N, C-alpha and C. Protein backbone atom coordinates (compact mmCIF):
# COMPACT_ATOMS: atom_id res chain seq x y z
N MET A 1 141.18 95.20 55.67
CA MET A 1 141.15 93.89 55.15
C MET A 1 140.09 93.01 56.04
N LYS A 2 140.13 93.44 57.29
CA LYS A 2 139.12 92.53 58.24
C LYS A 2 137.81 92.81 57.86
N MET A 3 137.42 94.28 57.49
CA MET A 3 136.27 94.44 57.36
C MET A 3 135.87 93.86 56.07
N MET A 4 136.57 93.79 54.98
CA MET A 4 136.32 92.85 53.78
C MET A 4 135.77 91.45 54.01
N VAL A 5 136.76 90.82 55.00
CA VAL A 5 136.53 89.49 55.31
C VAL A 5 135.18 89.49 56.04
N VAL A 6 134.87 90.28 57.08
CA VAL A 6 133.69 90.24 57.74
C VAL A 6 132.40 90.41 56.71
N ALA A 7 132.57 91.31 55.89
CA ALA A 7 131.42 91.75 54.93
C ALA A 7 131.21 90.45 53.97
N SER A 8 132.13 89.63 53.74
CA SER A 8 132.14 88.53 52.81
C SER A 8 131.64 87.40 53.63
N LEU A 9 131.99 87.25 54.87
CA LEU A 9 131.35 86.20 55.72
C LEU A 9 129.78 86.60 56.06
N LEU A 10 129.59 87.71 56.26
CA LEU A 10 127.99 88.18 56.49
C LEU A 10 127.33 87.94 55.10
N GLY A 11 127.96 88.09 53.93
CA GLY A 11 127.23 87.96 52.64
C GLY A 11 126.87 86.40 52.42
N ARG A 12 127.55 85.45 53.14
CA ARG A 12 127.02 84.01 53.02
C ARG A 12 125.76 83.76 53.77
N GLY A 13 125.35 84.72 54.55
CA GLY A 13 124.03 84.64 55.26
C GLY A 13 122.85 84.61 54.17
N ALA A 14 123.07 85.03 53.05
CA ALA A 14 122.06 84.91 51.94
C ALA A 14 121.88 83.45 51.49
N GLN A 15 123.00 82.66 51.40
CA GLN A 15 123.02 81.25 51.01
C GLN A 15 122.16 80.42 52.27
N LEU A 16 122.33 80.70 53.50
CA LEU A 16 121.74 80.22 54.69
C LEU A 16 120.01 80.63 54.48
N GLU A 17 119.99 81.70 54.02
CA GLU A 17 118.45 82.13 53.99
C GLU A 17 117.62 81.48 52.98
N ARG A 18 118.45 81.22 51.99
CA ARG A 18 117.53 80.40 50.79
C ARG A 18 117.45 78.95 51.25
N LEU A 19 118.19 78.30 51.99
CA LEU A 19 117.86 77.09 52.52
C LEU A 19 116.80 76.98 53.47
N SER A 20 116.86 78.04 54.26
CA SER A 20 115.80 78.15 55.35
C SER A 20 114.47 78.35 54.69
N ASP A 21 114.41 79.35 53.58
CA ASP A 21 113.26 79.54 52.88
C ASP A 21 112.62 78.30 52.16
N GLY A 22 113.40 77.44 51.74
CA GLY A 22 113.08 76.25 51.11
C GLY A 22 112.35 75.32 52.07
N ILE A 23 112.96 75.14 53.28
CA ILE A 23 112.40 74.34 54.36
C ILE A 23 111.05 74.66 54.99
N SER A 24 110.96 76.18 55.10
CA SER A 24 109.78 76.86 55.47
C SER A 24 108.62 76.62 54.22
N LEU A 25 109.03 76.74 53.03
CA LEU A 25 108.02 76.53 52.26
C LEU A 25 107.43 74.93 52.04
N LEU A 26 108.41 74.12 52.29
CA LEU A 26 108.02 72.74 52.36
C LEU A 26 107.09 72.52 53.62
N ALA A 27 107.53 73.09 54.75
CA ALA A 27 106.62 72.86 55.96
C ALA A 27 105.32 73.60 55.72
N LEU A 28 105.28 74.68 54.92
CA LEU A 28 103.90 75.42 54.85
C LEU A 28 103.12 74.45 53.81
N ALA A 29 103.64 73.86 52.79
CA ALA A 29 102.94 73.16 51.98
C ALA A 29 102.41 71.85 52.71
N TYR A 30 103.28 71.22 53.46
CA TYR A 30 102.79 70.10 54.17
C TYR A 30 101.63 70.48 55.20
N GLY A 31 101.77 71.52 55.74
CA GLY A 31 100.91 71.92 56.87
C GLY A 31 99.55 72.43 56.17
N LEU A 32 99.49 72.66 54.86
CA LEU A 32 98.23 73.14 54.25
C LEU A 32 97.71 71.84 53.46
N ALA A 33 98.41 70.90 53.62
CA ALA A 33 97.69 69.55 52.85
C ALA A 33 96.43 69.39 53.02
N PRO A 34 95.77 69.44 54.39
CA PRO A 34 94.63 69.22 54.71
C PRO A 34 93.47 69.94 54.06
N LEU A 35 93.86 71.23 53.55
CA LEU A 35 93.12 71.87 52.65
C LEU A 35 92.67 71.17 51.13
N LEU A 36 93.72 70.49 50.92
CA LEU A 36 93.39 69.68 49.71
C LEU A 36 92.91 68.28 49.84
N GLY A 37 92.34 67.93 51.04
CA GLY A 37 91.86 66.72 51.56
C GLY A 37 92.84 65.49 52.04
N ALA A 38 93.96 66.02 52.19
CA ALA A 38 94.83 65.05 52.96
C ALA A 38 94.73 65.11 54.42
N SER A 39 94.88 63.93 55.07
CA SER A 39 94.74 64.05 56.43
C SER A 39 96.06 64.18 57.13
N LEU A 40 96.22 64.83 58.18
CA LEU A 40 97.35 65.21 58.71
C LEU A 40 97.25 64.88 60.29
N GLN A 41 98.28 64.32 60.85
CA GLN A 41 98.24 63.86 62.38
C GLN A 41 98.59 65.18 63.15
N PRO A 42 97.89 65.26 64.25
CA PRO A 42 98.40 66.48 65.01
C PRO A 42 99.77 66.74 65.28
N LEU A 43 100.46 65.80 65.46
CA LEU A 43 101.86 65.83 65.87
C LEU A 43 102.64 66.48 64.60
N ALA A 44 102.28 65.99 63.35
CA ALA A 44 102.78 66.55 62.10
C ALA A 44 102.40 67.94 61.95
N SER A 45 101.49 68.28 62.42
CA SER A 45 100.88 69.92 62.22
C SER A 45 101.90 70.67 63.12
N LEU A 46 102.01 70.13 64.33
CA LEU A 46 102.65 70.83 65.41
C LEU A 46 104.16 70.90 64.85
N LEU A 47 104.70 70.02 64.33
CA LEU A 47 106.20 69.94 63.85
C LEU A 47 106.10 71.08 62.63
N CYS A 48 105.11 71.15 61.91
CA CYS A 48 105.26 72.14 60.63
C CYS A 48 105.16 73.53 61.31
N ALA A 49 104.33 73.70 62.42
CA ALA A 49 104.20 75.14 62.90
C ALA A 49 105.62 75.46 63.56
N VAL A 50 106.14 74.53 64.19
CA VAL A 50 107.63 74.91 64.99
C VAL A 50 108.61 74.95 63.77
N LEU A 51 108.52 74.35 62.79
CA LEU A 51 109.33 74.70 61.52
C LEU A 51 109.00 76.24 60.90
N LEU A 52 107.91 76.33 60.80
CA LEU A 52 107.59 77.81 60.22
C LEU A 52 108.06 78.79 61.32
N ALA A 53 107.72 78.77 62.72
CA ALA A 53 108.15 79.62 63.62
C ALA A 53 109.72 79.81 63.47
N LEU A 54 110.46 78.72 63.37
CA LEU A 54 111.94 78.91 63.24
C LEU A 54 112.28 79.62 61.86
N GLY A 55 111.49 79.39 60.89
CA GLY A 55 111.68 80.07 59.68
C GLY A 55 111.41 81.59 59.66
N VAL A 56 110.53 81.97 60.35
CA VAL A 56 110.18 83.26 60.62
C VAL A 56 111.40 83.94 61.50
N LEU A 57 111.79 83.32 62.48
CA LEU A 57 113.08 83.76 63.32
C LEU A 57 114.21 83.83 62.34
N HIS A 58 114.43 82.94 61.64
CA HIS A 58 115.60 82.99 60.84
C HIS A 58 115.63 84.06 59.70
N LYS A 59 114.31 84.30 59.30
CA LYS A 59 114.24 85.58 58.35
C LYS A 59 114.50 86.91 59.33
N TYR A 60 114.28 87.05 60.31
CA TYR A 60 114.55 88.32 61.05
C TYR A 60 116.08 88.37 61.19
N TRP A 61 116.83 87.19 61.66
CA TRP A 61 118.22 87.22 61.62
C TRP A 61 118.80 87.62 60.30
N ALA A 62 118.14 86.93 59.19
CA ALA A 62 119.03 87.06 57.97
C ALA A 62 118.74 88.40 57.46
N MET A 63 117.62 89.09 57.71
CA MET A 63 117.52 90.47 57.31
C MET A 63 118.58 91.44 58.09
N ARG A 64 118.82 91.31 59.43
CA ARG A 64 119.82 91.88 59.99
C ARG A 64 121.24 91.69 59.66
N VAL A 65 121.44 90.39 59.29
CA VAL A 65 122.94 90.03 58.76
C VAL A 65 123.03 90.56 57.22
N ALA A 66 122.00 90.76 56.31
CA ALA A 66 122.22 91.28 55.19
C ALA A 66 122.42 92.71 55.16
N LEU A 67 121.74 93.53 56.10
CA LEU A 67 121.97 94.85 56.44
C LEU A 67 123.32 95.09 56.77
N ASP A 68 123.74 94.27 57.78
CA ASP A 68 125.22 94.47 58.24
C ASP A 68 126.23 94.10 57.07
N ALA A 69 125.93 93.30 56.32
CA ALA A 69 126.91 92.76 55.13
C ALA A 69 127.01 93.99 54.16
N ASP A 70 125.73 94.68 53.86
CA ASP A 70 125.78 95.72 52.99
C ASP A 70 126.83 97.14 53.61
N LEU A 71 126.31 97.14 54.81
CA LEU A 71 127.07 98.32 55.57
C LEU A 71 128.66 98.25 55.66
N PHE A 72 128.91 96.96 56.00
CA PHE A 72 130.49 96.67 56.12
C PHE A 72 131.04 96.67 54.71
N SER A 73 130.30 96.19 53.61
CA SER A 73 130.90 96.22 52.47
C SER A 73 130.92 97.60 51.98
N ARG A 74 130.15 98.72 52.25
CA ARG A 74 130.24 100.00 51.95
C ARG A 74 131.13 100.62 52.66
N LEU A 75 131.31 100.40 53.95
CA LEU A 75 132.37 101.04 54.88
C LEU A 75 133.86 100.55 54.43
N ASP A 76 133.86 99.21 54.03
CA ASP A 76 135.22 98.77 53.69
C ASP A 76 136.01 99.59 52.72
N SER A 77 135.27 100.29 51.67
CA SER A 77 135.87 101.22 50.85
C SER A 77 135.87 102.55 51.21
N SER A 78 135.52 102.95 52.46
CA SER A 78 135.39 104.34 52.89
C SER A 78 136.89 104.93 52.87
N SER A 79 136.77 106.17 52.51
CA SER A 79 138.28 107.00 52.63
C SER A 79 138.27 107.59 53.80
N ASP A 80 137.12 107.86 54.59
CA ASP A 80 137.33 108.57 55.93
C ASP A 80 136.32 107.76 56.69
N LEU A 81 136.74 106.76 57.42
CA LEU A 81 135.86 105.66 58.14
C LEU A 81 135.44 106.36 59.15
N SER A 82 136.03 107.30 60.02
CA SER A 82 135.45 107.94 61.22
C SER A 82 134.25 108.70 60.90
N ALA A 83 134.34 109.55 59.89
CA ALA A 83 133.31 110.40 59.42
C ALA A 83 132.13 109.66 58.85
N ASP A 84 132.29 108.43 58.10
CA ASP A 84 131.26 107.61 57.71
C ASP A 84 130.60 106.83 58.89
N THR A 85 131.51 106.31 59.62
CA THR A 85 130.86 105.89 60.90
C THR A 85 130.02 106.70 61.71
N GLN A 86 130.23 107.91 61.95
CA GLN A 86 129.57 108.81 62.58
C GLN A 86 128.31 109.04 61.72
N ALA A 87 128.24 109.22 60.55
CA ALA A 87 127.15 109.49 59.45
C ALA A 87 126.27 108.24 59.61
N LEU A 88 126.76 106.95 59.79
CA LEU A 88 126.19 105.90 59.85
C LEU A 88 125.35 105.68 61.08
N ASP A 89 126.07 105.94 62.23
CA ASP A 89 125.37 105.88 63.58
C ASP A 89 124.13 106.90 63.66
N GLN A 90 124.32 107.97 63.01
CA GLN A 90 123.23 109.11 63.02
C GLN A 90 122.12 108.64 62.08
N ALA A 91 122.54 107.87 60.83
CA ALA A 91 121.22 107.64 60.08
C ALA A 91 120.52 106.35 60.67
N LEU A 92 121.27 105.62 61.34
CA LEU A 92 120.63 104.51 62.20
C LEU A 92 119.72 104.90 63.28
N PHE A 93 120.29 106.02 63.98
CA PHE A 93 119.30 106.83 64.95
C PHE A 93 118.16 107.38 64.36
N ASP A 94 118.35 108.11 63.35
CA ASP A 94 117.33 108.82 62.71
C ASP A 94 116.24 107.86 62.18
N LEU A 95 116.47 106.60 61.61
CA LEU A 95 115.55 105.84 61.16
C LEU A 95 115.05 105.03 62.31
N ARG A 96 115.44 105.28 63.51
CA ARG A 96 115.06 104.54 64.91
C ARG A 96 115.41 102.85 64.62
N LEU A 97 116.53 102.68 64.23
CA LEU A 97 117.11 101.47 64.07
C LEU A 97 118.28 101.13 65.06
N LYS A 98 118.37 102.39 65.96
CA LYS A 98 119.59 102.48 66.85
C LYS A 98 118.91 103.34 68.07
N ALA A 99 119.26 102.98 69.39
CA ALA A 99 118.76 103.74 70.43
C ALA A 99 119.55 105.11 70.45
N GLY A 100 120.70 105.16 70.33
CA GLY A 100 121.26 106.58 70.59
C GLY A 100 122.37 106.87 69.29
N ALA A 101 122.42 108.31 69.04
CA ALA A 101 123.10 108.65 67.97
C ALA A 101 124.66 108.45 67.96
N GLN A 102 125.11 108.23 69.09
CA GLN A 102 126.51 107.93 69.28
C GLN A 102 126.74 106.48 69.83
N ASP A 103 127.77 105.76 69.22
CA ASP A 103 128.14 104.41 69.40
C ASP A 103 129.74 104.58 69.73
N THR A 104 130.03 104.22 70.84
CA THR A 104 131.50 104.03 71.29
C THR A 104 132.28 102.85 70.86
N ARG A 105 131.65 102.04 70.26
CA ARG A 105 132.45 100.80 69.86
C ARG A 105 133.14 100.88 68.81
N ASP A 106 134.29 100.29 68.80
CA ASP A 106 135.17 100.36 67.53
C ASP A 106 134.92 99.21 66.48
N TRP A 107 135.53 99.28 65.22
CA TRP A 107 134.97 98.21 64.39
C TRP A 107 135.31 96.94 64.78
N PRO A 108 136.29 96.48 65.47
CA PRO A 108 136.42 95.07 65.76
C PRO A 108 135.27 94.74 66.60
N ALA A 109 134.81 95.64 67.68
CA ALA A 109 133.81 95.18 68.41
C ALA A 109 132.20 94.98 67.55
N ARG A 110 132.20 95.96 66.64
CA ARG A 110 131.04 95.89 65.70
C ARG A 110 131.09 94.55 64.87
N SER A 111 132.32 94.22 64.37
CA SER A 111 132.54 93.16 63.62
C SER A 111 132.27 91.79 64.35
N LYS A 112 132.34 91.83 65.62
CA LYS A 112 132.16 90.67 66.56
C LYS A 112 130.67 90.59 66.75
N ALA A 113 130.01 91.80 66.96
CA ALA A 113 128.58 91.76 67.07
C ALA A 113 127.83 91.37 65.69
N ALA A 114 128.38 91.51 64.51
CA ALA A 114 127.64 91.38 63.34
C ALA A 114 127.96 89.78 63.15
N LEU A 115 129.11 89.36 63.58
CA LEU A 115 129.36 87.86 63.20
C LEU A 115 128.38 86.97 64.19
N ALA A 116 128.15 87.44 65.30
CA ALA A 116 127.16 86.88 66.43
C ALA A 116 125.72 86.81 65.75
N LEU A 117 125.50 87.84 65.02
CA LEU A 117 124.16 87.73 64.47
C LEU A 117 124.02 86.58 63.32
N LEU A 118 125.25 86.51 62.60
CA LEU A 118 125.34 85.43 61.42
C LEU A 118 125.21 84.16 62.33
N ARG A 119 125.95 83.92 63.51
CA ARG A 119 125.81 82.60 64.11
C ARG A 119 124.43 82.44 64.55
N ARG A 120 123.73 83.36 65.06
CA ARG A 120 122.39 83.17 65.39
C ARG A 120 121.60 82.71 64.21
N GLN A 121 121.76 83.21 62.93
CA GLN A 121 121.13 82.83 61.86
C GLN A 121 121.32 81.34 61.50
N ALA A 122 122.55 80.96 61.63
CA ALA A 122 123.10 79.66 61.46
C ALA A 122 122.56 78.71 62.24
N LEU A 123 122.29 79.17 63.58
CA LEU A 123 121.69 78.26 64.63
C LEU A 123 120.38 77.97 64.30
N CYS A 124 119.72 79.07 63.87
CA CYS A 124 118.07 78.89 63.39
C CYS A 124 118.01 77.80 62.28
N LEU A 125 119.02 77.94 61.33
CA LEU A 125 119.02 77.01 60.14
C LEU A 125 119.28 75.51 60.73
N GLY A 126 120.15 75.49 61.58
CA GLY A 126 120.62 74.24 62.09
C GLY A 126 119.45 73.51 62.86
N LEU A 127 118.66 74.27 63.53
CA LEU A 127 117.41 73.74 64.32
C LEU A 127 116.43 73.40 63.22
N GLN A 128 116.29 74.21 62.30
CA GLN A 128 115.39 73.68 61.05
C GLN A 128 115.83 72.41 60.56
N VAL A 129 117.07 72.33 60.23
CA VAL A 129 117.45 71.24 59.53
C VAL A 129 117.22 69.97 60.44
N LEU A 130 117.61 70.15 61.65
CA LEU A 130 117.48 68.94 62.63
C LEU A 130 115.94 68.67 62.75
N LEU A 131 115.21 69.54 62.85
CA LEU A 131 113.65 69.30 62.93
C LEU A 131 113.12 68.56 61.81
N THR A 132 113.69 69.10 60.63
CA THR A 132 113.14 68.61 59.39
C THR A 132 113.62 67.07 59.34
N LEU A 133 114.84 66.71 59.61
CA LEU A 133 115.54 65.28 59.54
C LEU A 133 114.58 64.53 60.48
N ALA A 134 114.32 65.05 61.86
CA ALA A 134 113.65 64.25 62.66
C ALA A 134 112.16 63.91 62.40
N THR A 135 111.59 64.84 61.60
CA THR A 135 110.29 64.87 61.20
C THR A 135 110.21 63.76 60.09
N LEU A 136 111.37 63.70 59.18
CA LEU A 136 111.29 62.89 58.02
C LEU A 136 111.55 61.30 58.57
N LEU A 137 112.40 61.27 59.81
CA LEU A 137 112.82 60.22 60.28
C LEU A 137 111.35 59.35 60.97
N THR A 138 110.69 60.17 61.61
CA THR A 138 109.61 59.78 62.31
C THR A 138 108.15 59.74 61.72
N MET A 139 108.29 60.16 60.21
CA MET A 139 106.87 60.10 59.53
C MET A 139 106.31 58.83 59.44
N PRO A 140 107.23 57.75 59.27
CA PRO A 140 106.36 56.54 59.29
C PRO A 140 105.70 56.02 60.44
N LEU A 141 106.29 56.55 61.71
CA LEU A 141 105.74 56.47 62.77
C LEU A 141 104.54 57.35 63.11
N ILE A 142 104.62 58.49 62.63
CA ILE A 142 103.39 59.36 62.75
C ILE A 142 102.17 59.08 62.06
N GLY A 143 102.40 58.68 60.80
CA GLY A 143 101.13 58.31 59.83
C GLY A 143 100.63 57.07 60.17
């Protein structure tokens, strides 16, 4: 049951990703406004660049969370968790997504690590939202 809950929580990362993508696209559009002849203050350009950098970082964490969500969901329905865990570790090692073919962590430790990735993803989104709000609140002062 715990693996199902973890998989469900990790699945919520897709919702965070969509919001982050929207913020990143708005920052990109605003940052590209000078190509259409609009003037843009240097501070506004810097804020857009930081928002885009946070968006890229968020995308990295979102991909990691999505992979874990799929893996936890798949392993939740496993009839032989031990054998499937070994096969998973070997597959990740073969694809060079893991340093070693053996992992001594139990599933509670793996769950904790996966949820830490989700927290990192949420932190990136939180920083994006705060920076967006700060930008919107200071825009009259910038322009």
